[in-house]
Amino acid sequence: MSDLLDDKEAATKAVVDFLTKKSKNKTKFYLKDFYKVFPDDKPRMIKKVVNKMVETEVLEYWSSGSTTMYGLKGAGIQHSSENE
């Protein structure tokens, strides 16, 4: 496990920075997109970090029914307002 995943604050900052930089093009990302942020870590550990960020409401899930994606809370189209 890398030092980055050991340090939750640094991991959160790295993910938020990645999403903020990419937000000009898109606001929702697949879990595999976060592998670029933590190239030295295993997918399972990355998933734990991302899910923890959902729990702390830094990120949120978006689901189309067949696909789950993640995005910064409040950015882009939200699942709750999709049908308005």
PDB file of N, CA and C in Angstrom:
ATOM      1  N   MET A   1       0.849  -1.172   0.000  1.00  0.00           N
ATOM      2  CA  MET A   1       0.000   0.000   0.000  1.00  0.00           C
ATOM      3  C   MET A   1       0.900   1.242   0.000  1.00  0.00           C
ATOM      4  N   SER A   2       0.549   2.223  -0.793  1.00  0.00           N
ATOM      5  CA  SER A   2       1.351   3.436  -0.868  1.00  0.00           C
ATOM      6  C   SER A   2       1.102   4.320   0.347  1.00  0.00           C
ATOM      7  N   ASP A   3       2.010   5.257   0.540  1.00  0.00           N
ATOM      8  CA  ASP A   3       1.847   6.221   1.625  1.00  0.00           C
ATOM      9  C   ASP A   3       0.607   7.070   1.418  1.00  0.00           C
ATOM     10  N   LEU A   4       0.260   7.305   0.166  1.00  0.00           N
ATOM     11  CA  LEU A   4      -0.886   8.146  -0.134  1.00  0.00           C
ATOM     12  C   LEU A   4      -2.178   7.560   0.415  1.00  0.00           C
ATOM     13  N   LEU A   5      -2.364   6.251   0.270  1.00  0.00           N
ATOM     14  CA  LEU A   5      -3.576   5.634   0.801  1.00  0.00           C
ATOM     15  C   LEU A   5      -3.535   5.527   2.321  1.00  0.00           C
ATOM     16  N   ASP A   6      -2.334   5.514   2.901  1.00  0.00           N
ATOM     17  CA  ASP A   6      -2.225   5.521   4.358  1.00  0.00           C
ATOM     18  C   ASP A   6      -2.668   6.869   4.924  1.00  0.00           C
ATOM     19  N   ASP A   7      -2.421   7.927   4.183  1.00  0.00           N
ATOM     20  CA  ASP A   7      -2.773   9.281   4.606  1.00  0.00           C
ATOM     21  C   ASP A   7      -4.085   9.670   3.939  1.00  0.00           C
ATOM     22  N   LYS A   8      -5.183   9.502   4.657  1.00  0.00           N
ATOM     23  CA  LYS A   8      -6.525   9.740   4.105  1.00  0.00           C
ATOM     24  C   LYS A   8      -6.698  11.174   3.616  1.00  0.00           C
ATOM     25  N   GLU A   9      -6.119  12.129   4.322  1.00  0.00           N
ATOM     26  CA  GLU A   9      -6.250  13.530   3.922  1.00  0.00           C
ATOM     27  C   GLU A   9      -5.551  13.783   2.585  1.00  0.00           C
ATOM     28  N   ALA A  10      -4.365  13.218   2.410  1.00  0.00           N
ATOM     29  CA  ALA A  10      -3.635  13.378   1.147  1.00  0.00           C
ATOM     30  C   ALA A  10      -4.358  12.658   0.014  1.00  0.00           C
ATOM     31  N   ALA A  11      -4.936  11.492   0.313  1.00  0.00           N
ATOM     32  CA  ALA A  11      -5.680  10.741  -0.697  1.00  0.00           C
ATOM     33  C   ALA A  11      -6.911  11.533  -1.132  1.00  0.00           C
ATOM     34  N   THR A  12      -7.617  12.107  -0.176  1.00  0.00           N
ATOM     35  CA  THR A  12      -8.798  12.915  -0.489  1.00  0.00           C
ATOM     36  C   THR A  12      -8.403  14.106  -1.356  1.00  0.00           C
ATOM     37  N   LYS A  13      -7.328  14.779  -1.000  1.00  0.00           N
ATOM     38  CA  LYS A  13      -6.870  15.935  -1.770  1.00  0.00           C
ATOM     39  C   LYS A  13      -6.490  15.516  -3.192  1.00  0.00           C
ATOM     40  N   ALA A  14      -5.814  14.384  -3.338  1.00  0.00           N
ATOM     41  CA  ALA A  14      -5.403  13.913  -4.662  1.00  0.00           C
ATOM     42  C   ALA A  14      -6.617  13.628  -5.543  1.00  0.00           C
ATOM     43  N   VAL A  15      -7.640  12.999  -4.974  1.00  0.00           N
ATOM     44  CA  VAL A  15      -8.857  12.686  -5.734  1.00  0.00           C
ATOM     45  C   VAL A  15      -9.594  13.971  -6.106  1.00  0.00           C
ATOM     46  N   VAL A  16      -9.762  14.883  -5.154  1.00  0.00           N
ATOM     47  CA  VAL A  16     -10.466  16.137  -5.428  1.00  0.00           C
ATOM     48  C   VAL A  16      -9.711  16.942  -6.486  1.00  0.00           C
ATOM     49  N   ASP A  17      -8.394  16.995  -6.394  1.00  0.00           N
ATOM     50  CA  ASP A  17      -7.596  17.705  -7.392  1.00  0.00           C
ATOM     51  C   ASP A  17      -7.777  17.083  -8.776  1.00  0.00           C
ATOM     52  N   PHE A  18      -7.751  15.763  -8.847  1.00  0.00           N
ATOM     53  CA  PHE A  18      -7.940  15.044 -10.111  1.00  0.00           C
ATOM     54  C   PHE A  18      -9.309  15.369 -10.708  1.00  0.00           C
ATOM     55  N   LEU A  19     -10.351  15.296  -9.898  1.00  0.00           N
ATOM     56  CA  LEU A  19     -11.705  15.552 -10.381  1.00  0.00           C
ATOM     57  C   LEU A  19     -11.900  17.016 -10.774  1.00  0.00           C
ATOM     58  N   THR A  20     -11.321  17.909 -10.024  1.00  0.00           N
ATOM     59  CA  THR A  20     -11.442  19.332 -10.327  1.00  0.00           C
ATOM     60  C   THR A  20     -10.766  19.647 -11.660  1.00  0.00           C
ATOM     61  N   LYS A  21      -9.614  19.066 -11.875  1.00  0.00           N
ATOM     62  CA  LYS A  21      -8.883  19.284 -13.127  1.00  0.00           C
ATOM     63  C   LYS A  21      -9.647  18.735 -14.328  1.00  0.00           C
ATOM     64  N   LYS A  22     -10.295  17.604 -14.150  1.00  0.00           N
ATOM     65  CA  LYS A  22     -11.028  16.947 -15.230  1.00  0.00           C
ATOM     66  C   LYS A  22     -12.448  17.493 -15.401  1.00  0.00           C
ATOM     67  N   SER A  23     -12.933  18.296 -14.454  1.00  0.00           N
ATOM     68  CA  SER A  23     -14.340  18.706 -14.438  1.00  0.00           C
ATOM     69  C   SER A  23     -14.743  19.573 -15.628  1.00  0.00           C
ATOM     70  N   LYS A  24     -13.792  20.111 -16.360  1.00  0.00           N
ATOM     71  CA  LYS A  24     -14.144  20.897 -17.539  1.00  0.00           C
ATOM     72  C   LYS A  24     -14.738  20.019 -18.626  1.00  0.00           C
ATOM     73  N   ASN A  25     -14.357  18.750 -18.641  1.00  0.00           N
ATOM     74  CA  ASN A  25     -14.829  17.812 -19.658  1.00  0.00           C
ATOM     75  C   ASN A  25     -15.954  16.910 -19.178  1.00  0.00           C
ATOM     76  N   LYS A  26     -15.869  16.453 -17.930  1.00  0.00           N
ATOM     77  CA  LYS A  26     -16.910  15.568 -17.398  1.00  0.00           C
ATOM     78  C   LYS A  26     -16.931  15.644 -15.880  1.00  0.00           C
ATOM     79  N   THR A  27     -18.067  15.228 -15.313  1.00  0.00           N
ATOM     80  CA  THR A  27     -18.223  15.339 -13.865  1.00  0.00           C
ATOM     81  C   THR A  27     -18.390  13.992 -13.171  1.00  0.00           C
ATOM     82  N   LYS A  28     -18.600  12.928 -13.928  1.00  0.00           N
ATOM     83  CA  LYS A  28     -18.775  11.595 -13.346  1.00  0.00           C
ATOM     84  C   LYS A  28     -17.684  10.667 -13.875  1.00  0.00           C
ATOM     85  N   PHE A  29     -17.177   9.817 -12.993  1.00  0.00           N
ATOM     86  CA  PHE A  29     -16.051   8.969 -13.329  1.00  0.00           C
ATOM     87  C   PHE A  29     -16.286   7.541 -12.864  1.00  0.00           C
ATOM     88  N   TYR A  30     -15.750   6.598 -13.628  1.00  0.00           N
ATOM     89  CA  TYR A  30     -15.760   5.195 -13.235  1.00  0.00           C
ATOM     90  C   TYR A  30     -14.700   4.978 -12.169  1.00  0.00           C
ATOM     91  N   LEU A  31     -14.853   3.926 -11.396  1.00  0.00           N
ATOM     92  CA  LEU A  31     -13.862   3.596 -10.380  1.00  0.00           C
ATOM     93  C   LEU A  31     -12.481   3.444 -11.019  1.00  0.00           C
ATOM     94  N   LYS A  32     -12.429   2.828 -12.195  1.00  0.00           N
ATOM     95  CA  LYS A  32     -11.126   2.597 -12.853  1.00  0.00           C
ATOM     96  C   LYS A  32     -10.410   3.906 -13.189  1.00  0.00           C
ATOM     97  N   ASP A  33     -11.145   5.009 -13.317  1.00  0.00           N
ATOM     98  CA  ASP A  33     -10.509   6.306 -13.575  1.00  0.00           C
ATOM     99  C   ASP A  33      -9.625   6.733 -12.406  1.00  0.00           C
ATOM    100  N   PHE A  34      -9.969   6.300 -11.201  1.00  0.00           N
ATOM    101  CA  PHE A  34      -9.186   6.660 -10.022  1.00  0.00           C
ATOM    102  C   PHE A  34      -7.891   5.861  -9.924  1.00  0.00           C
ATOM    103  N   TYR A  35      -7.766   4.803 -10.714  1.00  0.00           N
ATOM    104  CA  TYR A  35      -6.527   4.026 -10.718  1.00  0.00           C
ATOM    105  C   TYR A  35      -5.358   4.886 -11.172  1.00  0.00           C
ATOM    106  N   LYS A  36      -5.618   5.896 -12.002  1.00  0.00           N
ATOM    107  CA  LYS A  36      -4.564   6.804 -12.473  1.00  0.00           C
ATOM    108  C   LYS A  36      -4.038   7.670 -11.334  1.00  0.00           C
ATOM    109  N   VAL A  37      -4.898   7.949 -10.366  1.00  0.00           N
ATOM    110  CA  VAL A  37      -4.502   8.778  -9.230  1.00  0.00           C
ATOM    111  C   VAL A  37      -3.575   8.001  -8.297  1.00  0.00           C
ATOM    112  N   PHE A  38      -3.823   6.709  -8.179  1.00  0.00           N
ATOM    113  CA  PHE A  38      -3.042   5.833  -7.293  1.00  0.00           C
ATOM    114  C   PHE A  38      -2.466   4.658  -8.079  1.00  0.00           C
ATOM    115  N   PRO A  39      -1.534   4.902  -8.998  1.00  0.00           N
ATOM    116  CA  PRO A  39      -1.059   3.834  -9.878  1.00  0.00           C
ATOM    117  C   PRO A  39      -0.333   2.687  -9.166  1.00  0.00           C
ATOM    118  N   ASP A  40       0.167   2.922  -7.969  1.00  0.00           N
ATOM    119  CA  ASP A  40       0.917   1.885  -7.252  1.00  0.00           C
ATOM    120  C   ASP A  40       0.055   1.056  -6.314  1.00  0.00           C
ATOM    121  N   ASP A  41      -1.228   1.325  -6.283  1.00  0.00           N
ATOM    122  CA  ASP A  41      -2.100   0.636  -5.340  1.00  0.00           C
ATOM    123  C   ASP A  41      -3.052  -0.317  -6.038  1.00  0.00           C
ATOM    124  N   LYS A  42      -3.516  -1.286  -5.273  1.00  0.00           N
ATOM    125  CA  LYS A  42      -4.435  -2.292  -5.801  1.00  0.00           C
ATOM    126  C   LYS A  42      -5.846  -1.720  -5.883  1.00  0.00           C
ATOM    127  N   PRO A  43      -6.622  -2.177  -6.864  1.00  0.00           N
ATOM    128  CA  PRO A  43      -7.986  -1.682  -7.037  1.00  0.00           C
ATOM    129  C   PRO A  43      -8.847  -1.764  -5.778  1.00  0.00           C
ATOM    130  N   ARG A  44      -8.686  -2.798  -5.009  1.00  0.00           N
ATOM    131  CA  ARG A  44      -9.506  -2.947  -3.798  1.00  0.00           C
ATOM    132  C   ARG A  44      -9.239  -1.830  -2.788  1.00  0.00           C
ATOM    133  N   MET A  45      -7.975  -1.449  -2.649  1.00  0.00           N
ATOM    134  CA  MET A  45      -7.632  -0.365  -1.724  1.00  0.00           C
ATOM    135  C   MET A  45      -8.153   0.975  -2.240  1.00  0.00           C
ATOM    136  N   ILE A  46      -8.089   1.172  -3.540  1.00  0.00           N
ATOM    137  CA  ILE A  46      -8.593   2.408  -4.138  1.00  0.00           C
ATOM    138  C   ILE A  46     -10.101   2.499  -3.929  1.00  0.00           C
ATOM    139  N   LYS A  47     -10.792   1.383  -4.107  1.00  0.00           N
ATOM    140  CA  LYS A  47     -12.239   1.357  -3.904  1.00  0.00           C
ATOM    141  C   LYS A  47     -12.589   1.717  -2.461  1.00  0.00           C
ATOM    142  N   LYS A  48     -11.805   1.245  -1.504  1.00  0.00           N
ATOM    143  CA  LYS A  48     -12.048   1.576  -0.099  1.00  0.00           C
ATOM    144  C   LYS A  48     -11.924   3.076   0.142  1.00  0.00           C
ATOM    145  N   VAL A  49     -10.903   3.690  -0.451  1.00  0.00           N
ATOM    146  CA  VAL A  49     -10.698   5.128  -0.284  1.00  0.00           C
ATOM    147  C   VAL A  49     -11.851   5.900  -0.912  1.00  0.00           C
ATOM    148  N   VAL A  50     -12.235   5.529  -2.135  1.00  0.00           N
ATOM    149  CA  VAL A  50     -13.320   6.223  -2.831  1.00  0.00           C
ATOM    150  C   VAL A  50     -14.638   6.047  -2.069  1.00  0.00           C
ATOM    151  N   ASN A  51     -14.926   4.846  -1.603  1.00  0.00           N
ATOM    152  CA  ASN A  51     -16.161   4.617  -0.844  1.00  0.00           C
ATOM    153  C   ASN A  51     -16.171   5.397   0.467  1.00  0.00           C
ATOM    154  N   LYS A  52     -15.027   5.528   1.096  1.00  0.00           N
ATOM    155  CA  LYS A  52     -14.933   6.322   2.326  1.00  0.00           C
ATOM    156  C   LYS A  52     -15.228   7.786   2.025  1.00  0.00           C
ATOM    157  N   MET A  53     -14.803   8.249   0.854  1.00  0.00           N
ATOM    158  CA  MET A  53     -15.079   9.631   0.463  1.00  0.00           C
ATOM    159  C   MET A  53     -16.570   9.830   0.179  1.00  0.00           C
ATOM    160  N   VAL A  54     -17.246   8.792  -0.264  1.00  0.00           N
ATOM    161  CA  VAL A  54     -18.704   8.868  -0.440  1.00  0.00           C
ATOM    162  C   VAL A  54     -19.364   8.946   0.935  1.00  0.00           C
ATOM    163  N   GLU A  55     -18.887   8.148   1.880  1.00  0.00           N
ATOM    164  CA  GLU A  55     -19.434   8.162   3.241  1.00  0.00           C
ATOM    165  C   GLU A  55     -19.281   9.537   3.896  1.00  0.00           C
ATOM    166  N   THR A  56     -18.154  10.193   3.649  1.00  0.00           N
ATOM    167  CA  THR A  56     -17.908  11.506   4.250  1.00  0.00           C
ATOM    168  C   THR A  56     -18.464  12.638   3.394  1.00  0.00           C
ATOM    169  N   GLU A  57     -19.187  12.275   2.334  1.00  0.00           N
ATOM    170  CA  GLU A  57     -19.898  13.202   1.450  1.00  0.00           C
ATOM    171  C   GLU A  57     -18.992  14.158   0.680  1.00  0.00           C
ATOM    172  N   VAL A  58     -17.762  13.713   0.406  1.00  0.00           N
ATOM    173  CA  VAL A  58     -16.891  14.464  -0.495  1.00  0.00           C
ATOM    174  C   VAL A  58     -17.287  14.108  -1.920  1.00  0.00           C
ATOM    175  N   LEU A  59     -17.548  12.807  -2.136  1.00  0.00           N
ATOM    176  CA  LEU A  59     -17.999  12.300  -3.428  1.00  0.00           C
ATOM    177  C   LEU A  59     -19.423  11.790  -3.289  1.00  0.00           C
ATOM    178  N   GLU A  60     -20.059  11.536  -4.434  1.00  0.00           N
ATOM    179  CA  GLU A  60     -21.372  10.905  -4.423  1.00  0.00           C
ATOM    180  C   GLU A  60     -21.452   9.890  -5.551  1.00  0.00           C
ATOM    181  N   TYR A  61     -22.304   8.896  -5.339  1.00  0.00           N
ATOM    182  CA  TYR A  61     -22.562   7.892  -6.359  1.00  0.00           C
ATOM    183  C   TYR A  61     -23.520   8.457  -7.396  1.00  0.00           C
ATOM    184  N   TRP A  62     -23.394   7.984  -8.596  1.00  0.00           N
ATOM    185  CA  TRP A  62     -24.385   8.216  -9.636  1.00  0.00           C
ATOM    186  C   TRP A  62     -24.558   6.878 -10.322  1.00  0.00           C
ATOM    187  N   SER A  63     -25.785   6.451 -10.482  1.00  0.00           N
ATOM    188  CA  SER A  63     -26.040   5.156 -11.095  1.00  0.00           C
ATOM    189  C   SER A  63     -27.084   5.282 -12.184  1.00  0.00           C
ATOM    190  N   SER A  64     -26.807   4.622 -13.307  1.00  0.00           N
ATOM    191  CA  SER A  64     -27.780   4.586 -14.397  1.00  0.00           C
ATOM    192  C   SER A  64     -28.618   3.316 -14.300  1.00  0.00           C
ATOM    193  N   GLY A  65     -28.326   2.505 -13.328  1.00  0.00           N
ATOM    194  CA  GLY A  65     -28.999   1.222 -13.176  1.00  0.00           C
ATOM    195  C   GLY A  65     -28.050   0.082 -13.507  1.00  0.00           C
ATOM    196  N   SER A  66     -27.233   0.290 -14.524  1.00  0.00           N
ATOM    197  CA  SER A  66     -26.267  -0.747 -14.901  1.00  0.00           C
ATOM    198  C   SER A  66     -24.835  -0.303 -14.646  1.00  0.00           C
ATOM    199  N   THR A  67     -24.633   0.984 -14.445  1.00  0.00           N
ATOM    200  CA  THR A  67     -23.297   1.527 -14.253  1.00  0.00           C
ATOM    201  C   THR A  67     -23.277   2.434 -13.037  1.00  0.00           C
ATOM    202  N   THR A  68     -22.244   2.291 -12.226  1.00  0.00           N
ATOM    203  CA  THR A  68     -22.059   3.182 -11.088  1.00  0.00           C
ATOM    204  C   THR A  68     -20.865   4.061 -11.369  1.00  0.00           C
ATOM    205  N   MET A  69     -21.075   5.350 -11.158  1.00  0.00           N
ATOM    206  CA  MET A  69     -20.000   6.312 -11.348  1.00  0.00           C
ATOM    207  C   MET A  69     -19.906   7.176 -10.093  1.00  0.00           C
ATOM    208  N   TYR A  70     -18.824   7.934 -10.012  1.00  0.00           N
ATOM    209  CA  TYR A  70     -18.579   8.787  -8.860  1.00  0.00           C
ATOM    210  C   TYR A  70     -18.309  10.190  -9.344  1.00  0.00           C
ATOM    211  N   GLY A  71     -18.688  11.161  -8.530  1.00  0.00           N
ATOM    212  CA  GLY A  71     -18.411  12.554  -8.844  1.00  0.00           C
ATOM    213  C   GLY A  71     -18.347  13.370  -7.579  1.00  0.00           C
ATOM    214  N   LEU A  72     -17.806  14.574  -7.704  1.00  0.00           N
ATOM    215  CA  LEU A  72     -17.777  15.471  -6.557  1.00  0.00           C
ATOM    216  C   LEU A  72     -19.201  15.819  -6.158  1.00  0.00           C
ATOM    217  N   LYS A  73     -19.451  15.854  -4.891  1.00  0.00           N
ATOM    218  CA  LYS A  73     -20.793  16.162  -4.405  1.00  0.00           C
ATOM    219  C   LYS A  73     -21.211  17.534  -4.912  1.00  0.00           C
ATOM    220  N   GLY A  74     -22.366  17.586  -5.566  1.00  0.00           N
ATOM    221  CA  GLY A  74     -22.909  18.837  -6.061  1.00  0.00           C
ATOM    222  C   GLY A  74     -22.443  19.252  -7.441  1.00  0.00           C
ATOM    223  N   ALA A  75     -21.563  18.475  -8.068  1.00  0.00           N
ATOM    224  CA  ALA A  75     -21.055  18.844  -9.395  1.00  0.00           C
ATOM    225  C   ALA A  75     -21.797  18.082 -10.484  1.00  0.00           C
ATOM    226  N   GLY A  76     -22.159  18.764 -11.549  1.00  0.00           N
ATOM    227  CA  GLY A  76     -22.796  18.106 -12.684  1.00  0.00           C
ATOM    228  C   GLY A  76     -24.235  17.742 -12.401  1.00  0.00           C
ATOM    229  N   ILE A  77     -24.789  16.885 -13.258  1.00  0.00           N
ATOM    230  CA  ILE A  77     -26.173  16.425 -13.118  1.00  0.00           C
ATOM    231  C   ILE A  77     -26.242  15.472 -11.933  1.00  0.00           C
ATOM    232  N   GLN A  78     -27.175  15.715 -11.063  1.00  0.00           N
ATOM    233  CA  GLN A  78     -27.335  14.880  -9.882  1.00  0.00           C
ATOM    234  C   GLN A  78     -28.448  13.874 -10.117  1.00  0.00           C
ATOM    235  N   HIS A  79     -28.294  12.715  -9.579  1.00  0.00           N
ATOM    236  CA  HIS A  79     -29.293  11.651  -9.734  1.00  0.00           C
ATOM    237  C   HIS A  79     -30.661  12.105  -9.239  1.00  0.00           C
ATOM    238  N   SER A  80     -30.693  12.845  -8.139  1.00  0.00           N
ATOM    239  CA  SER A  80     -31.967  13.254  -7.536  1.00  0.00           C
ATOM    240  C   SER A  80     -32.719  14.261  -8.400  1.00  0.00           C
ATOM    241  N   SER A  81     -32.025  15.051  -9.221  1.00  0.00           N
ATOM    242  CA  SER A  81     -32.691  16.071 -10.023  1.00  0.00           C
ATOM    243  C   SER A  81     -32.767  15.690 -11.495  1.00  0.00           C
ATOM    244  N   GLU A  82     -32.400  14.484 -11.819  1.00  0.00           N
ATOM    245  CA  GLU A  82     -32.308  14.040 -13.202  1.00  0.00           C
ATOM    246  C   GLU A  82     -33.640  14.079 -13.946  1.00  0.00           C
ATOM    247  N   ASN A  83     -34.735  13.753 -13.279  1.00  0.00           N
ATOM    248  CA  ASN A  83     -36.031  13.657 -13.931  1.00  0.00           C
ATOM    249  C   ASN A  83     -36.863  14.926 -13.862  1.00  0.00           C
ATOM    250  N   GLU A  84     -36.294  16.023 -13.433  1.00  0.00           N
ATOM    251  CA  GLU A  84     -37.036  17.291 -13.309  1.00  0.00           C
ATOM    252  C   GLU A  84     -37.190  17.955 -14.654  1.00  0.00           C
TER     253      GLU A  84
END
